[in-house]
N, C-alpha and C. Protein backbone atom coordinates (compact mmCIF):
# COMPACT_ATOMS: atom_id res chain seq x y z
N UNK A 1 95.46 54.05 150.87
CA UNK A 1 94.47 53.06 150.48
C UNK A 1 94.53 51.90 151.47
N UNK A 2 93.39 51.44 151.88
CA UNK A 2 93.29 50.39 152.90
C UNK A 2 93.98 49.10 152.48
N UNK A 3 93.83 48.72 151.22
CA UNK A 3 94.45 47.48 150.76
C UNK A 3 95.97 47.56 150.89
N UNK A 4 96.57 48.65 150.44
CA UNK A 4 98.03 48.78 150.52
C UNK A 4 98.50 48.88 151.97
N UNK A 5 97.72 49.52 152.82
CA UNK A 5 98.07 49.57 154.24
C UNK A 5 98.07 48.17 154.84
N UNK A 6 97.09 47.36 154.49
CA UNK A 6 97.01 45.98 154.99
C UNK A 6 98.19 45.15 154.48
N UNK A 7 98.55 45.34 153.24
CA UNK A 7 99.70 44.62 152.67
C UNK A 7 100.96 44.98 153.44
N UNK A 8 101.16 46.24 153.71
CA UNK A 8 102.35 46.70 154.44
C UNK A 8 102.36 46.16 155.87
N UNK A 9 101.20 46.17 156.54
CA UNK A 9 101.13 45.65 157.93
C UNK A 9 101.50 44.17 157.99
N UNK A 10 101.14 43.42 156.96
CA UNK A 10 101.48 41.98 156.93
C UNK A 10 102.95 41.75 156.57
N UNK A 11 103.63 42.81 156.15
CA UNK A 11 105.02 42.66 155.73
C UNK A 11 105.14 42.15 154.30
N UNK A 12 104.05 42.19 153.55
CA UNK A 12 104.06 41.74 152.16
C UNK A 12 104.39 42.91 151.25
N UNK A 13 104.52 42.60 149.97
CA UNK A 13 104.80 43.62 148.96
C UNK A 13 103.66 43.66 147.97
N UNK A 14 103.33 44.85 147.51
CA UNK A 14 102.36 45.01 146.42
C UNK A 14 103.19 45.08 145.13
N UNK A 15 102.93 44.17 144.23
CA UNK A 15 103.73 44.05 143.01
C UNK A 15 102.81 44.10 141.79
N UNK A 16 103.24 44.84 140.78
CA UNK A 16 102.46 45.02 139.55
C UNK A 16 103.34 44.66 138.36
N UNK A 17 102.79 43.88 137.43
CA UNK A 17 103.53 43.50 136.23
C UNK A 17 103.36 44.55 135.14
N UNK A 18 104.23 44.50 134.15
CA UNK A 18 104.11 45.39 133.01
C UNK A 18 102.81 45.17 132.25
N UNK A 19 102.32 43.95 132.24
CA UNK A 19 101.05 43.66 131.57
C UNK A 19 99.90 44.39 132.28
N UNK A 20 99.93 44.44 133.59
CA UNK A 20 98.91 45.16 134.35
C UNK A 20 99.02 46.66 134.08
N UNK A 21 100.23 47.18 133.98
CA UNK A 21 100.43 48.59 133.66
C UNK A 21 99.83 48.89 132.28
N UNK A 22 100.09 48.03 131.30
CA UNK A 22 99.55 48.23 129.95
C UNK A 22 98.03 48.19 129.96
N UNK A 23 97.46 47.23 130.66
CA UNK A 23 96.00 47.10 130.73
C UNK A 23 95.39 48.32 131.42
N UNK A 24 96.01 48.79 132.48
CA UNK A 24 95.53 49.97 133.19
C UNK A 24 95.58 51.20 132.29
N UNK A 25 96.66 51.33 131.54
CA UNK A 25 96.82 52.44 130.60
C UNK A 25 95.67 52.47 129.59
N UNK A 26 95.37 51.33 128.98
CA UNK A 26 94.28 51.26 128.02
C UNK A 26 92.92 51.47 128.69
N UNK A 27 92.72 50.91 129.86
CA UNK A 27 91.44 51.08 130.56
C UNK A 27 91.19 52.55 130.90
N UNK A 28 92.21 53.24 131.37
CA UNK A 28 92.06 54.65 131.69
C UNK A 28 91.64 55.45 130.46
N UNK A 29 92.26 55.13 129.31
CA UNK A 29 91.94 55.87 128.09
C UNK A 29 90.58 55.51 127.51
N UNK A 30 90.33 54.24 127.32
CA UNK A 30 89.18 53.82 126.55
C UNK A 30 87.90 53.65 127.36
N UNK A 31 88.02 53.36 128.62
CA UNK A 31 86.81 53.19 129.44
C UNK A 31 86.49 54.43 130.27
N UNK A 32 87.53 55.21 130.60
CA UNK A 32 87.33 56.37 131.46
C UNK A 32 87.66 57.69 130.77
N UNK A 33 88.03 57.63 129.48
CA UNK A 33 88.32 58.83 128.67
C UNK A 33 89.41 59.72 129.27
N UNK A 34 90.38 59.11 129.93
CA UNK A 34 91.50 59.86 130.49
C UNK A 34 92.52 60.08 129.36
N UNK A 35 92.94 61.32 129.13
CA UNK A 35 93.94 61.58 128.09
C UNK A 35 95.24 60.81 128.37
N UNK A 36 95.95 60.47 127.30
CA UNK A 36 97.19 59.69 127.43
C UNK A 36 98.15 60.32 128.44
N UNK A 37 98.36 61.62 128.34
CA UNK A 37 99.32 62.27 129.23
C UNK A 37 98.92 62.13 130.70
N UNK A 38 97.62 62.21 130.99
CA UNK A 38 97.15 62.07 132.37
C UNK A 38 97.24 60.61 132.83
N UNK A 39 96.97 59.68 131.94
CA UNK A 39 97.10 58.26 132.29
C UNK A 39 98.55 57.92 132.61
N UNK A 40 99.46 58.44 131.82
CA UNK A 40 100.89 58.20 132.06
C UNK A 40 101.32 58.83 133.38
N UNK A 41 100.87 60.04 133.64
CA UNK A 41 101.21 60.70 134.91
C UNK A 41 100.70 59.90 136.10
N UNK A 42 99.48 59.37 136.00
CA UNK A 42 98.92 58.55 137.09
C UNK A 42 99.74 57.28 137.29
N UNK A 43 100.15 56.65 136.20
CA UNK A 43 100.95 55.42 136.31
C UNK A 43 102.34 55.73 136.88
N UNK A 44 102.90 56.87 136.54
CA UNK A 44 104.19 57.26 137.14
C UNK A 44 104.05 57.36 138.66
N UNK A 45 102.98 58.01 139.09
CA UNK A 45 102.75 58.19 140.54
C UNK A 45 102.60 56.85 141.26
N UNK A 46 102.09 55.87 140.55
CA UNK A 46 101.88 54.54 141.14
C UNK A 46 103.17 53.98 141.75
N UNK A 47 104.29 54.25 141.10
CA UNK A 47 105.56 53.68 141.54
C UNK A 47 106.43 54.66 142.33
N UNK A 48 106.04 55.90 142.43
CA UNK A 48 106.91 56.93 143.01
C UNK A 48 107.25 56.74 144.48
N UNK A 49 106.30 56.34 145.29
CA UNK A 49 106.59 56.27 146.73
C UNK A 49 107.16 54.94 147.18
N UNK A 50 107.30 53.99 146.26
CA UNK A 50 107.89 52.70 146.59
C UNK A 50 106.94 51.73 147.25
N UNK A 51 105.71 52.13 147.47
CA UNK A 51 104.74 51.26 148.11
C UNK A 51 104.32 50.12 147.16
N UNK A 52 104.36 50.41 145.87
CA UNK A 52 104.05 49.41 144.85
C UNK A 52 105.30 49.18 144.02
N UNK A 53 105.65 47.92 143.84
CA UNK A 53 106.85 47.55 143.08
C UNK A 53 106.46 47.03 141.70
N UNK A 54 107.41 47.07 140.80
CA UNK A 54 107.20 46.57 139.44
C UNK A 54 107.97 45.28 139.25
N UNK A 55 107.39 44.35 138.50
CA UNK A 55 108.11 43.12 138.16
C UNK A 55 108.91 43.30 136.88
N UNK A 56 108.77 44.45 136.24
CA UNK A 56 109.41 44.64 134.94
C UNK A 56 110.03 46.01 134.79
N UNK A 57 109.85 46.56 133.62
CA UNK A 57 110.53 47.80 133.23
C UNK A 57 109.62 49.03 133.29
N UNK A 58 108.40 48.88 133.76
CA UNK A 58 107.44 49.98 133.74
C UNK A 58 107.97 51.28 134.34
N UNK A 59 108.58 51.28 135.53
CA UNK A 59 109.06 52.56 136.08
C UNK A 59 110.09 53.24 135.18
N UNK A 60 110.96 52.47 134.56
CA UNK A 60 111.97 53.03 133.66
C UNK A 60 111.32 53.61 132.42
N UNK A 61 110.39 52.87 131.83
CA UNK A 61 109.70 53.34 130.62
C UNK A 61 108.85 54.56 130.95
N UNK A 62 108.14 54.54 132.06
CA UNK A 62 107.28 55.66 132.43
C UNK A 62 108.08 56.93 132.72
N UNK A 63 109.36 56.80 133.02
CA UNK A 63 110.20 57.96 133.30
C UNK A 63 110.62 58.70 132.03
N UNK A 64 110.39 58.10 130.87
CA UNK A 64 110.77 58.74 129.61
C UNK A 64 109.94 59.99 129.37
N UNK A 65 110.55 61.00 128.81
CA UNK A 65 109.85 62.23 128.49
C UNK A 65 108.98 62.10 127.26
N UNK A 66 107.95 62.91 127.19
CA UNK A 66 107.04 62.98 126.04
C UNK A 66 106.47 61.63 125.63
N UNK A 67 106.23 60.80 126.57
CA UNK A 67 105.76 59.44 126.31
C UNK A 67 104.35 59.42 125.71
N UNK A 68 103.54 60.41 126.04
CA UNK A 68 102.16 60.44 125.53
C UNK A 68 102.11 60.58 124.01
N UNK A 69 103.12 61.20 123.43
CA UNK A 69 103.14 61.37 121.97
C UNK A 69 104.24 60.55 121.30
N UNK A 70 104.95 59.76 122.07
CA UNK A 70 106.08 59.00 121.54
C UNK A 70 105.61 57.91 120.58
N UNK A 71 106.40 57.67 119.58
CA UNK A 71 106.20 56.55 118.65
C UNK A 71 107.50 55.80 118.60
N UNK A 72 107.58 54.57 119.03
CA UNK A 72 106.50 53.76 119.54
C UNK A 72 106.03 54.23 120.92
N UNK A 73 104.83 53.83 121.25
CA UNK A 73 104.20 54.29 122.48
C UNK A 73 104.53 53.45 123.70
N UNK A 74 103.82 53.73 124.76
CA UNK A 74 104.07 53.11 126.06
C UNK A 74 104.07 51.58 125.99
N UNK A 75 103.04 50.99 125.45
CA UNK A 75 102.93 49.53 125.48
C UNK A 75 104.04 48.88 124.65
N UNK A 76 104.33 49.41 123.47
CA UNK A 76 105.42 48.86 122.67
C UNK A 76 106.75 48.99 123.40
N UNK A 77 106.93 50.07 124.14
CA UNK A 77 108.18 50.26 124.89
C UNK A 77 108.25 49.31 126.10
N UNK A 78 107.11 49.00 126.70
CA UNK A 78 107.10 47.99 127.77
C UNK A 78 107.49 46.62 127.22
N UNK A 79 106.93 46.27 126.07
CA UNK A 79 107.27 44.99 125.44
C UNK A 79 108.76 44.95 125.10
N UNK A 80 109.24 46.00 124.48
CA UNK A 80 110.65 46.09 124.10
C UNK A 80 111.56 45.97 125.32
N UNK A 81 111.23 46.71 126.36
CA UNK A 81 112.04 46.67 127.58
C UNK A 81 112.07 45.29 128.21
N UNK A 82 110.95 44.59 128.14
CA UNK A 82 110.91 43.23 128.66
C UNK A 82 111.84 42.30 127.91
N UNK A 83 111.86 42.43 126.60
CA UNK A 83 112.77 41.60 125.80
C UNK A 83 114.23 41.94 126.10
N UNK A 84 114.55 43.21 126.21
CA UNK A 84 115.93 43.60 126.48
C UNK A 84 116.37 43.16 127.87
N UNK A 85 115.44 43.20 128.82
CA UNK A 85 115.76 42.75 130.17
C UNK A 85 116.14 41.28 130.18
N UNK A 86 115.60 40.52 129.25
CA UNK A 86 115.93 39.11 129.10
C UNK A 86 117.11 38.87 128.17
N UNK A 87 117.87 39.91 127.88
CA UNK A 87 119.05 39.84 127.00
C UNK A 87 118.70 39.41 125.58
N UNK A 88 117.52 39.74 125.14
CA UNK A 88 117.12 39.39 123.79
C UNK A 88 116.85 40.62 122.97
N UNK A 89 116.57 40.39 121.72
CA UNK A 89 116.14 41.45 120.82
C UNK A 89 114.65 41.34 120.63
N UNK A 90 114.14 42.12 119.71
CA UNK A 90 112.71 42.10 119.46
C UNK A 90 112.46 42.15 117.97
N UNK A 91 111.57 41.31 117.49
CA UNK A 91 111.09 41.36 116.11
C UNK A 91 109.64 41.82 116.15
N UNK A 92 109.27 42.74 115.27
CA UNK A 92 107.94 43.31 115.31
C UNK A 92 107.52 43.80 113.93
N UNK A 93 106.23 43.98 113.76
CA UNK A 93 105.70 44.61 112.56
C UNK A 93 105.52 46.12 112.76
N UNK A 94 105.73 46.59 113.96
CA UNK A 94 105.55 48.00 114.31
C UNK A 94 106.72 48.82 113.77
N UNK A 95 106.48 49.55 112.67
CA UNK A 95 107.55 50.30 112.01
C UNK A 95 108.19 51.35 112.91
N UNK A 96 107.41 51.95 113.80
CA UNK A 96 107.95 52.97 114.70
C UNK A 96 108.99 52.39 115.65
N UNK A 97 108.99 51.08 115.87
CA UNK A 97 109.92 50.45 116.79
C UNK A 97 111.35 50.42 116.27
N UNK A 98 111.54 50.74 114.99
CA UNK A 98 112.90 50.72 114.44
C UNK A 98 113.79 51.75 115.13
N UNK A 99 113.21 52.69 115.85
CA UNK A 99 113.97 53.70 116.61
C UNK A 99 114.64 53.11 117.84
N UNK A 100 114.17 51.94 118.27
CA UNK A 100 114.66 51.35 119.51
C UNK A 100 115.82 50.41 119.25
N UNK A 101 116.64 50.18 120.26
CA UNK A 101 117.79 49.28 120.15
C UNK A 101 117.35 47.82 120.00
N UNK A 102 118.13 47.06 119.28
CA UNK A 102 117.95 45.61 119.16
C UNK A 102 116.57 45.21 118.64
N UNK A 103 116.08 45.95 117.64
CA UNK A 103 114.78 45.67 117.06
C UNK A 103 114.92 45.36 115.58
N UNK A 104 114.23 44.31 115.16
CA UNK A 104 114.14 44.00 113.73
C UNK A 104 112.69 44.18 113.33
N UNK A 105 112.46 45.11 112.41
CA UNK A 105 111.10 45.33 111.90
C UNK A 105 110.90 44.40 110.73
N UNK A 106 109.86 43.58 110.80
CA UNK A 106 109.58 42.59 109.76
C UNK A 106 108.77 43.17 108.62
């Protein structure tokens, strides 16, 4: 892609936040009718060659198996991972999140 080539030539880095990953995931599904499994596969590829870096936990979360059918899903796991990265826990109303470490379901 021309944009990424230009970024590399300047010696800059292309960086994507977990929020952008979440928004892209929803846009692929709801605006472009891409199935969850294909959206997740595309997002995995985004980080595979190292040309694009993550500011958060997206590459780790995207590496999980069966993520398209996982409960909690991708976005909840991104949120959870962000809290854990900050040495905190997470409080949520999402009952499926009780499967994750350091979560209090309200």
